[in-house]
PDB file of N, CA and C in Angstrom:
ATOM      1  N   UNK A   1      72.700 114.750 108.779  1.00  0.00           N
ATOM      2  CA  UNK A   1      73.816 114.495 107.878  1.00  0.00           C
ATOM      3  C   UNK A   1      75.038 114.111 108.703  1.00  0.00           C
ATOM      4  N   UNK A   2      75.747 113.084 108.252  1.00  0.00           N
ATOM      5  CA  UNK A   2      76.926 112.596 108.954  1.00  0.00           C
ATOM      6  C   UNK A   2      78.101 113.543 108.733  1.00  0.00           C
ATOM      7  N   UNK A   3      78.767 113.906 109.816  1.00  0.00           N
ATOM      8  CA  UNK A   3      79.922 114.791 109.710  1.00  0.00           C
ATOM      9  C   UNK A   3      81.164 113.945 109.441  1.00  0.00           C
ATOM     10  N   UNK A   4      81.951 114.340 108.435  1.00  0.00           N
ATOM     11  CA  UNK A   4      83.163 113.607 108.115  1.00  0.00           C
ATOM     12  C   UNK A   4      84.246 113.930 109.140  1.00  0.00           C
ATOM     13  N   UNK A   5      84.995 112.910 109.529  1.00  0.00           N
ATOM     14  CA  UNK A   5      86.117 113.077 110.431  1.00  0.00           C
ATOM     15  C   UNK A   5      87.388 112.969 109.612  1.00  0.00           C
ATOM     16  N   UNK A   6      88.366 113.802 109.922  1.00  0.00           N
ATOM     17  CA  UNK A   6      89.640 113.777 109.223  1.00  0.00           C
ATOM     18  C   UNK A   6      90.477 112.643 109.804  1.00  0.00           C
ATOM     19  N   UNK A   7      90.455 111.494 109.140  1.00  0.00           N
ATOM     20  CA  UNK A   7      91.181 110.311 109.588  1.00  0.00           C
ATOM     21  C   UNK A   7      92.082 109.818 108.466  1.00  0.00           C
ATOM     22  N   UNK A   8      93.263 109.339 108.814  1.00  0.00           N
ATOM     23  CA  UNK A   8      94.167 108.724 107.843  1.00  0.00           C
ATOM     24  C   UNK A   8      94.625 107.380 108.391  1.00  0.00           C
ATOM     25  N   UNK A   9      94.722 106.422 107.494  1.00  0.00           N
ATOM     26  CA  UNK A   9      95.191 105.082 107.831  1.00  0.00           C
ATOM     27  C   UNK A   9      96.299 104.738 106.844  1.00  0.00           C
ATOM     28  N   UNK A  10      97.421 104.249 107.345  1.00  0.00           N
ATOM     29  CA  UNK A  10      98.508 103.802 106.469  1.00  0.00           C
ATOM     30  C   UNK A  10      98.579 102.284 106.530  1.00  0.00           C
ATOM     31  N   UNK A  11      98.690 101.684 105.349  1.00  0.00           N
ATOM     32  CA  UNK A  11      98.828 100.235 105.252  1.00  0.00           C
ATOM     33  C   UNK A  11     100.192  99.904 104.658  1.00  0.00           C
ATOM     34  N   UNK A  12     100.724  98.762 105.064  1.00  0.00           N
ATOM     35  CA  UNK A  12     101.958  98.253 104.474  1.00  0.00           C
ATOM     36  C   UNK A  12     101.661  96.878 103.904  1.00  0.00           C
ATOM     37  N   UNK A  13     102.159  96.637 102.698  1.00  0.00           N
ATOM     38  CA  UNK A  13     101.986  95.339 102.058  1.00  0.00           C
ATOM     39  C   UNK A  13     103.348  94.840 101.621  1.00  0.00           C
ATOM     40  N   UNK A  14     103.759  93.677 102.149  1.00  0.00           N
ATOM     41  CA  UNK A  14     105.083  93.141 101.830  1.00  0.00           C
ATOM     42  C   UNK A  14     105.057  92.105 100.713  1.00  0.00           C
ATOM     43  N   UNK A  15     103.878  91.801 100.187  1.00  0.00           N
ATOM     44  CA  UNK A  15     103.766  90.838  99.111  1.00  0.00           C
ATOM     45  C   UNK A  15     103.636  89.404  99.580  1.00  0.00           C
ATOM     46  N   UNK A  16     103.883  89.147 100.859  1.00  0.00           N
ATOM     47  CA  UNK A  16     103.818  87.784 101.380  1.00  0.00           C
ATOM     48  C   UNK A  16     102.657  87.585 102.353  1.00  0.00           C
ATOM     49  N   UNK A  17     102.257  88.649 103.016  1.00  0.00           N
ATOM     50  CA  UNK A  17     101.197  88.578 104.020  1.00  0.00           C
ATOM     51  C   UNK A  17     100.110  89.587 103.677  1.00  0.00           C
ATOM     52  N   UNK A  18      99.015  89.526 104.405  1.00  0.00           N
ATOM     53  CA  UNK A  18      97.942  90.509 104.207  1.00  0.00           C
ATOM     54  C   UNK A  18      98.460  91.895 104.590  1.00  0.00           C
ATOM     55  N   UNK A  19      97.965  92.942 103.920  1.00  0.00           N
ATOM     56  CA  UNK A  19      98.353  94.294 104.320  1.00  0.00           C
ATOM     57  C   UNK A  19      98.031  94.530 105.795  1.00  0.00           C
ATOM     58  N   UNK A  20      98.859  95.335 106.452  1.00  0.00           N
ATOM     59  CA  UNK A  20      98.631  95.605 107.875  1.00  0.00           C
ATOM     60  C   UNK A  20      98.666  97.104 108.126  1.00  0.00           C
ATOM     61  N   UNK A  21      98.010  97.504 109.197  1.00  0.00           N
ATOM     62  CA  UNK A  21      97.941  98.913 109.587  1.00  0.00           C
ATOM     63  C   UNK A  21      99.270  99.319 110.216  1.00  0.00           C
ATOM     64  N   UNK A  22      99.907 100.344 109.651  1.00  0.00           N
ATOM     65  CA  UNK A  22     101.182 100.802 110.189  1.00  0.00           C
ATOM     66  C   UNK A  22     101.095 102.183 110.832  1.00  0.00           C
ATOM     67  N   UNK A  23     100.035 102.910 110.536  1.00  0.00           N
ATOM     68  CA  UNK A  23      99.820 104.221 111.164  1.00  0.00           C
ATOM     69  C   UNK A  23      98.347 104.564 111.034  1.00  0.00           C
ATOM     70  N   UNK A  24      97.843 105.269 112.022  1.00  0.00           N
ATOM     71  CA  UNK A  24      96.476 105.772 111.932  1.00  0.00           C
ATOM     72  C   UNK A  24      96.330 106.936 112.891  1.00  0.00           C
ATOM     73  N   UNK A  25      95.446 107.840 112.525  1.00  0.00           N
ATOM     74  CA  UNK A  25      95.230 108.986 113.381  1.00  0.00           C
ATOM     75  C   UNK A  25      94.161 109.899 112.832  1.00  0.00           C
ATOM     76  N   UNK A  26      93.732 110.825 113.670  1.00  0.00           N
ATOM     77  CA  UNK A  26      92.708 111.797 113.295  1.00  0.00           C
ATOM     78  C   UNK A  26      93.257 113.207 113.459  1.00  0.00           C
ATOM     79  N   UNK A  27      92.611 114.150 112.794  1.00  0.00           N
ATOM     80  CA  UNK A  27      92.977 115.556 112.932  1.00  0.00           C
ATOM     81  C   UNK A  27      94.406 115.831 112.497  1.00  0.00           C
ATOM     82  N   UNK A  28      95.169 116.452 113.367  1.00  0.00           N
ATOM     83  CA  UNK A  28      96.553 116.843 113.055  1.00  0.00           C
ATOM     84  C   UNK A  28      97.415 115.626 112.734  1.00  0.00           C
ATOM     85  N   UNK A  29      97.224 114.532 113.451  1.00  0.00           N
ATOM     86  CA  UNK A  29      97.997 113.320 113.180  1.00  0.00           C
ATOM     87  C   UNK A  29      97.673 112.785 111.782  1.00  0.00           C
ATOM     88  N   UNK A  30      96.419 112.837 111.382  1.00  0.00           N
ATOM     89  CA  UNK A  30      96.025 112.402 110.038  1.00  0.00           C
ATOM     90  C   UNK A  30      96.708 113.266 108.980  1.00  0.00           C
ATOM     91  N   UNK A  31      96.731 114.562 109.215  1.00  0.00           N
ATOM     92  CA  UNK A  31      97.398 115.457 108.262  1.00  0.00           C
ATOM     93  C   UNK A  31      98.891 115.150 108.188  1.00  0.00           C
ATOM     94  N   UNK A  32      99.502 114.822 109.299  1.00  0.00           N
ATOM     95  CA  UNK A  32     100.939 114.488 109.327  1.00  0.00           C
ATOM     96  C   UNK A  32     101.204 113.170 108.588  1.00  0.00           C
ATOM     97  N   UNK A  33     100.329 112.183 108.765  1.00  0.00           N
ATOM     98  CA  UNK A  33     100.472 110.906 108.061  1.00  0.00           C
ATOM     99  C   UNK A  33     100.449 111.143 106.550  1.00  0.00           C
ATOM    100  N   UNK A  34      99.505 111.951 106.085  1.00  0.00           N
ATOM    101  CA  UNK A  34      99.423 112.252 104.647  1.00  0.00           C
ATOM    102  C   UNK A  34     100.652 113.031 104.182  1.00  0.00           C
ATOM    103  N   UNK A  35     101.127 113.944 104.994  1.00  0.00           N
ATOM    104  CA  UNK A  35     102.307 114.735 104.641  1.00  0.00           C
ATOM    105  C   UNK A  35     103.531 113.828 104.472  1.00  0.00           C
ATOM    106  N   UNK A  36     103.730 112.922 105.405  1.00  0.00           N
ATOM    107  CA  UNK A  36     104.858 111.992 105.326  1.00  0.00           C
ATOM    108  C   UNK A  36     104.720 111.105 104.080  1.00  0.00           C
ATOM    109  N   UNK A  37     103.503 110.650 103.787  1.00  0.00           N
ATOM    110  CA  UNK A  37     103.279 109.836 102.592  1.00  0.00           C
ATOM    111  C   UNK A  37     103.678 110.615 101.339  1.00  0.00           C
ATOM    112  N   UNK A  38     103.253 111.854 101.249  1.00  0.00           N
ATOM    113  CA  UNK A  38     103.603 112.673 100.078  1.00  0.00           C
ATOM    114  C   UNK A  38     105.109 112.866  99.972  1.00  0.00           C
ATOM    115  N   UNK A  39     105.786 113.102 101.102  1.00  0.00           N
ATOM    116  CA  UNK A  39     107.234 113.301 101.105  1.00  0.00           C
ATOM    117  C   UNK A  39     107.978 112.076 100.581  1.00  0.00           C
ATOM    118  N   UNK A  40     107.387 110.903 100.783  1.00  0.00           N
ATOM    119  CA  UNK A  40     108.018 109.653 100.364  1.00  0.00           C
ATOM    120  C   UNK A  40     107.387 109.071  99.100  1.00  0.00           C
ATOM    121  N   UNK A  41     106.620 109.906  98.397  1.00  0.00           N
ATOM    122  CA  UNK A  41     105.989 109.521  97.130  1.00  0.00           C
ATOM    123  C   UNK A  41     105.121 108.268  97.277  1.00  0.00           C
ATOM    124  N   UNK A  42     104.402 108.192  98.388  1.00  0.00           N
ATOM    125  CA  UNK A  42     103.476 107.093  98.636  1.00  0.00           C
ATOM    126  C   UNK A  42     102.093 107.559  98.195  1.00  0.00           C
ATOM    127  N   UNK A  43     101.480 106.834  97.272  1.00  0.00           N
ATOM    128  CA  UNK A  43     100.161 107.246  96.776  1.00  0.00           C
ATOM    129  C   UNK A  43      99.115 107.266  97.884  1.00  0.00           C
ATOM    130  N   UNK A  44      98.188 108.202  97.780  1.00  0.00           N
ATOM    131  CA  UNK A  44      97.080 108.327  98.726  1.00  0.00           C
ATOM    132  C   UNK A  44      95.787 107.927  98.030  1.00  0.00           C
ATOM    133  N   UNK A  45      94.896 107.315  98.791  1.00  0.00           N
ATOM    134  CA  UNK A  45      93.594 106.911  98.261  1.00  0.00           C
ATOM    135  C   UNK A  45      92.537 107.355  99.257  1.00  0.00           C
ATOM    136  N   UNK A  46      91.482 108.003  98.774  1.00  0.00           N
ATOM    137  CA  UNK A  46      90.429 108.502  99.655  1.00  0.00           C
ATOM    138  C   UNK A  46      89.181 107.645  99.508  1.00  0.00           C
ATOM    139  N   UNK A  47      88.762 107.025 100.626  1.00  0.00           N
ATOM    140  CA  UNK A  47      87.542 106.218 100.640  1.00  0.00           C
ATOM    141  C   UNK A  47      87.013 106.230 102.069  1.00  0.00           C
ATOM    142  N   UNK A  48      86.014 107.065 102.317  1.00  0.00           N
ATOM    143  CA  UNK A  48      85.486 107.238 103.678  1.00  0.00           C
ATOM    144  C   UNK A  48      85.023 105.934 104.311  1.00  0.00           C
ATOM    145  N   UNK A  49      84.342 105.097 103.525  1.00  0.00           N
ATOM    146  CA  UNK A  49      83.835 103.837 104.084  1.00  0.00           C
ATOM    147  C   UNK A  49      84.966 102.888 104.450  1.00  0.00           C
ATOM    148  N   UNK A  50      85.971 102.798 103.605  1.00  0.00           N
ATOM    149  CA  UNK A  50      87.113 101.936 103.894  1.00  0.00           C
ATOM    150  C   UNK A  50      87.869 102.431 105.120  1.00  0.00           C
ATOM    151  N   UNK A  51      88.077 103.734 105.208  1.00  0.00           N
ATOM    152  CA  UNK A  51      88.774 104.306 106.371  1.00  0.00           C
ATOM    153  C   UNK A  51      88.003 104.019 107.654  1.00  0.00           C
ATOM    154  N   UNK A  52      86.696 104.128 107.589  1.00  0.00           N
ATOM    155  CA  UNK A  52      85.870 103.868 108.768  1.00  0.00           C
ATOM    156  C   UNK A  52      86.086 102.444 109.294  1.00  0.00           C
ATOM    157  N   UNK A  53      86.187 101.497 108.380  1.00  0.00           N
ATOM    158  CA  UNK A  53      86.418 100.103 108.774  1.00  0.00           C
ATOM    159  C   UNK A  53      87.851  99.912 109.264  1.00  0.00           C
ATOM    160  N   UNK A  54      88.817 100.438 108.518  1.00  0.00           N
ATOM    161  CA  UNK A  54      90.221 100.266 108.888  1.00  0.00           C
ATOM    162  C   UNK A  54      90.560 100.942 110.215  1.00  0.00           C
ATOM    163  N   UNK A  55      89.867 102.014 110.544  1.00  0.00           N
ATOM    164  CA  UNK A  55      90.130 102.740 111.793  1.00  0.00           C
ATOM    165  C   UNK A  55      89.832 101.883 113.022  1.00  0.00           C
ATOM    166  N   UNK A  56      89.040 100.841 112.842  1.00  0.00           N
ATOM    167  CA  UNK A  56      88.713  99.954 113.962  1.00  0.00           C
ATOM    168  C   UNK A  56      89.835  98.957 114.260  1.00  0.00           C
ATOM    169  N   UNK A  57      90.799  98.833 113.344  1.00  0.00           N
ATOM    170  CA  UNK A  57      91.904  97.907 113.532  1.00  0.00           C
ATOM    171  C   UNK A  57      92.990  98.528 114.402  1.00  0.00           C
ATOM    172  N   UNK A  58      93.750  97.686 115.065  1.00  0.00           N
ATOM    173  CA  UNK A  58      94.869  98.130 115.893  1.00  0.00           C
ATOM    174  C   UNK A  58      96.126  98.268 115.033  1.00  0.00           C
ATOM    175  N   UNK A  59      97.077  99.071 115.479  1.00  0.00           N
ATOM    176  CA  UNK A  59      98.351  99.185 114.787  1.00  0.00           C
ATOM    177  C   UNK A  59      99.001  97.810 114.719  1.00  0.00           C
ATOM    178  N   UNK A  60      99.533  97.476 113.564  1.00  0.00           N
ATOM    179  CA  UNK A  60     100.175  96.191 113.361  1.00  0.00           C
ATOM    180  C   UNK A  60      99.224  95.081 112.962  1.00  0.00           C
ATOM    181  N   UNK A  61      97.930  95.314 113.053  1.00  0.00           N
ATOM    182  CA  UNK A  61      96.942  94.290 112.721  1.00  0.00           C
ATOM    183  C   UNK A  61      96.765  94.176 111.207  1.00  0.00           C
ATOM    184  N   UNK A  62      96.656  92.937 110.725  1.00  0.00           N
ATOM    185  CA  UNK A  62      96.398  92.710 109.305  1.00  0.00           C
ATOM    186  C   UNK A  62      94.939  93.021 108.996  1.00  0.00           C
ATOM    187  N   UNK A  63      94.692  93.439 107.764  1.00  0.00           N
ATOM    188  CA  UNK A  63      93.316  93.732 107.370  1.00  0.00           C
ATOM    189  C   UNK A  63      92.514  92.432 107.382  1.00  0.00           C
ATOM    190  N   UNK A  64      91.208  92.498 107.643  1.00  0.00           N
ATOM    191  CA  UNK A  64      90.388  91.280 107.621  1.00  0.00           C
ATOM    192  C   UNK A  64      90.203  90.768 106.193  1.00  0.00           C
ATOM    193  N   UNK A  65      89.956  89.482 106.096  1.00  0.00           N
ATOM    194  CA  UNK A  65      89.792  88.836 104.798  1.00  0.00           C
ATOM    195  C   UNK A  65      88.686  89.484 103.964  1.00  0.00           C
ATOM    196  N   UNK A  66      87.676  90.038 104.614  1.00  0.00           N
ATOM    197  CA  UNK A  66      86.571  90.667 103.888  1.00  0.00           C
ATOM    198  C   UNK A  66      87.020  91.898 103.099  1.00  0.00           C
ATOM    199  N   UNK A  67      88.188  92.447 103.421  1.00  0.00           N
ATOM    200  CA  UNK A  67      88.694  93.629 102.708  1.00  0.00           C
ATOM    201  C   UNK A  67      89.761  93.294 101.676  1.00  0.00           C
ATOM    202  N   UNK A  68      90.142  92.015 101.562  1.00  0.00           N
ATOM    203  CA  UNK A  68      91.210  91.642 100.629  1.00  0.00           C
ATOM    204  C   UNK A  68      90.948  92.152  99.215  1.00  0.00           C
ATOM    205  N   UNK A  69      89.749  91.937  98.702  1.00  0.00           N
ATOM    206  CA  UNK A  69      89.451  92.291  97.308  1.00  0.00           C
ATOM    207  C   UNK A  69      89.609  93.794  97.060  1.00  0.00           C
ATOM    208  N   UNK A  70      88.973  94.603  97.902  1.00  0.00           N
ATOM    209  CA  UNK A  70      89.026  96.054  97.672  1.00  0.00           C
ATOM    210  C   UNK A  70      90.449  96.597  97.845  1.00  0.00           C
ATOM    211  N   UNK A  71      91.157  96.127  98.844  1.00  0.00           N
ATOM    212  CA  UNK A  71      92.525  96.610  99.063  1.00  0.00           C
ATOM    213  C   UNK A  71      93.444  96.091  97.955  1.00  0.00           C
ATOM    214  N   UNK A  72      93.244  94.863  97.496  1.00  0.00           N
ATOM    215  CA  UNK A  72      94.055  94.320  96.396  1.00  0.00           C
ATOM    216  C   UNK A  72      93.873  95.152  95.129  1.00  0.00           C
ATOM    217  N   UNK A  73      92.647  95.589  94.858  1.00  0.00           N
ATOM    218  CA  UNK A  73      92.397  96.418  93.678  1.00  0.00           C
ATOM    219  C   UNK A  73      93.119  97.755  93.787  1.00  0.00           C
ATOM    220  N   UNK A  74      93.131  98.329  94.972  1.00  0.00           N
ATOM    221  CA  UNK A  74      93.832  99.607  95.177  1.00  0.00           C
ATOM    222  C   UNK A  74      95.332  99.410  94.999  1.00  0.00           C
ATOM    223  N   UNK A  75      95.879  98.351  95.607  1.00  0.00           N
ATOM    224  CA  UNK A  75      97.312  98.076  95.495  1.00  0.00           C
ATOM    225  C   UNK A  75      97.692  97.813  94.043  1.00  0.00           C
ATOM    226  N   UNK A  76      96.889  97.035  93.333  1.00  0.00           N
ATOM    227  CA  UNK A  76      97.178  96.743  91.924  1.00  0.00           C
ATOM    228  C   UNK A  76      97.181  98.024  91.092  1.00  0.00           C
ATOM    229  N   UNK A  77      96.225  98.898  91.347  1.00  0.00           N
ATOM    230  CA  UNK A  77      96.164 100.170  90.616  1.00  0.00           C
ATOM    231  C   UNK A  77      97.409 101.015  90.896  1.00  0.00           C
ATOM    232  N   UNK A  78      97.843 101.040  92.142  1.00  0.00           N
ATOM    233  CA  UNK A  78      99.048 101.800  92.517  1.00  0.00           C
ATOM    234  C   UNK A  78     100.271 101.221  91.811  1.00  0.00           C
ATOM    235  N   UNK A  79     100.370  99.897  91.762  1.00  0.00           N
ATOM    236  CA  UNK A  79     101.492  99.269  91.055  1.00  0.00           C
ATOM    237  C   UNK A  79     101.518  99.698  89.587  1.00  0.00           C
ATOM    238  N   UNK A  80     100.355  99.690  88.948  1.00  0.00           N
ATOM    239  CA  UNK A  80     100.279 100.090  87.543  1.00  0.00           C
ATOM    240  C   UNK A  80     100.717 101.546  87.386  1.00  0.00           C
ATOM    241  N   UNK A  81     100.254 102.413  88.285  1.00  0.00           N
ATOM    242  CA  UNK A  81     100.658 103.824  88.225  1.00  0.00           C
ATOM    243  C   UNK A  81     102.164 103.994  88.321  1.00  0.00           C
ATOM    244  N   UNK A  82     102.795 103.116  89.098  1.00  0.00           N
ATOM    245  CA  UNK A  82     104.249 103.190  89.279  1.00  0.00           C
ATOM    246  C   UNK A  82     105.009 102.391  88.227  1.00  0.00           C
ATOM    247  N   UNK A  83     104.281 101.774  87.282  1.00  0.00           N
ATOM    248  CA  UNK A  83     104.919 101.016  86.221  1.00  0.00           C
ATOM    249  C   UNK A  83     105.433  99.660  86.661  1.00  0.00           C
ATOM    250  N   UNK A  84     104.903  99.128  87.745  1.00  0.00           N
ATOM    251  CA  UNK A  84     105.330  97.822  88.243  1.00  0.00           C
ATOM    252  C   UNK A  84     104.324  96.767  87.805  1.00  0.00           C
ATOM    253  N   UNK A  85     104.836  95.678  87.255  1.00  0.00           N
ATOM    254  CA  UNK A  85     103.990  94.594  86.787  1.00  0.00           C
ATOM    255  C   UNK A  85     104.609  93.267  87.221  1.00  0.00           C
ATOM    256  N   UNK A  86     103.787  92.227  87.404  1.00  0.00           N
ATOM    257  CA  UNK A  86     104.340  90.911  87.727  1.00  0.00           C
ATOM    258  C   UNK A  86     105.262  90.438  86.607  1.00  0.00           C
ATOM    259  N   UNK A  87     106.247  89.607  86.941  1.00  0.00           N
ATOM    260  CA  UNK A  87     107.185  89.111  85.929  1.00  0.00           C
ATOM    261  C   UNK A  87     106.460  88.396  84.794  1.00  0.00           C
ATOM    262  N   UNK A  88     105.358  87.719  85.114  1.00  0.00           N
ATOM    263  CA  UNK A  88     104.634  86.954  84.099  1.00  0.00           C
ATOM    264  C   UNK A  88     103.700  87.828  83.261  1.00  0.00           C
ATOM    265  N   UNK A  89     103.643  89.133  83.561  1.00  0.00           N
ATOM    266  CA  UNK A  89     102.723  90.030  82.868  1.00  0.00           C
ATOM    267  C   UNK A  89     103.153  90.218  81.421  1.00  0.00           C
ATOM    268  N   UNK A  90     102.205  90.072  80.527  1.00  0.00           N
ATOM    269  CA  UNK A  90     102.438  90.356  79.115  1.00  0.00           C
ATOM    270  C   UNK A  90     101.365  91.341  78.684  1.00  0.00           C
ATOM    271  N   UNK A  91     101.754  92.551  78.289  1.00  0.00           N
ATOM    272  CA  UNK A  91     100.749  93.533  77.877  1.00  0.00           C
ATOM    273  C   UNK A  91      99.887  92.990  76.742  1.00  0.00           C
ATOM    274  N   UNK A  92      98.650  93.411  76.732  1.00  0.00           N
ATOM    275  CA  UNK A  92      97.712  92.966  75.703  1.00  0.00           C
ATOM    276  C   UNK A  92      98.140  93.495  74.342  1.00  0.00           C
ATOM    277  N   UNK A  93      98.174  92.604  73.404  1.00  0.00           N
ATOM    278  CA  UNK A  93      98.428  92.999  72.016  1.00  0.00           C
ATOM    279  C   UNK A  93      97.326  92.382  71.168  1.00  0.00           C
ATOM    280  N   UNK A  94      96.624  93.191  70.386  1.00  0.00           N
ATOM    281  CA  UNK A  94      95.559  92.621  69.554  1.00  0.00           C
ATOM    282  C   UNK A  94      96.136  91.587  68.585  1.00  0.00           C
ATOM    283  N   UNK A  95      95.355  90.573  68.269  1.00  0.00           N
ATOM    284  CA  UNK A  95      95.853  89.565  67.325  1.00  0.00           C
ATOM    285  C   UNK A  95      96.149  90.210  65.972  1.00  0.00           C
ATOM    286  N   UNK A  96      97.180  89.685  65.348  1.00  0.00           N
ATOM    287  CA  UNK A  96      97.548  90.220  64.029  1.00  0.00           C
ATOM    288  C   UNK A  96      96.558  89.749  62.975  1.00  0.00           C
ATOM    289  N   UNK A  97      96.302  90.622  62.030  1.00  0.00           N
ATOM    290  CA  UNK A  97      95.423  90.276  60.917  1.00  0.00           C
ATOM    291  C   UNK A  97      96.152  89.307  59.997  1.00  0.00           C
ATOM    292  N   UNK A  98      95.457  88.284  59.513  1.00  0.00           N
ATOM    293  CA  UNK A  98      96.114  87.359  58.567  1.00  0.00           C
ATOM    294  C   UNK A  98      96.504  88.105  57.292  1.00  0.00           C
ATOM    295  N   UNK A  99      97.665  87.774  56.773  1.00  0.00           N
ATOM    296  CA  UNK A  99      98.150  88.404  55.547  1.00  0.00           C
ATOM    297  C   UNK A  99      97.576  87.660  54.341  1.00  0.00           C
ATOM    298  N   UNK A 100      97.086  88.394  53.339  1.00  0.00           N
ATOM    299  CA  UNK A 100      96.514  87.736  52.133  1.00  0.00           C
ATOM    300  C   UNK A 100      97.583  87.077  51.298  1.00  0.00           C
TER     301      UNK A 100
END
């Protein structure tokens, strides 16, 4: 059985470029990264497989194109949780029933 390692990776997304690694660490450093995120109301996401891949990147490095989709879905979900939507966003409204 594979033993889980306590690793944390922080990503930054500026909206213009691919997300990049801004912090990473294991053990006590990982716990500190999560603590700082909580203090600044930065959402946390747990995904062992994603962390394993991201841990191979260097600080300041942008995520590879192969991870764009999964990271974009996480970022989009976080935006929704925070009530942020694109300017062009129009919430779904069911079509109105025709009046007799």
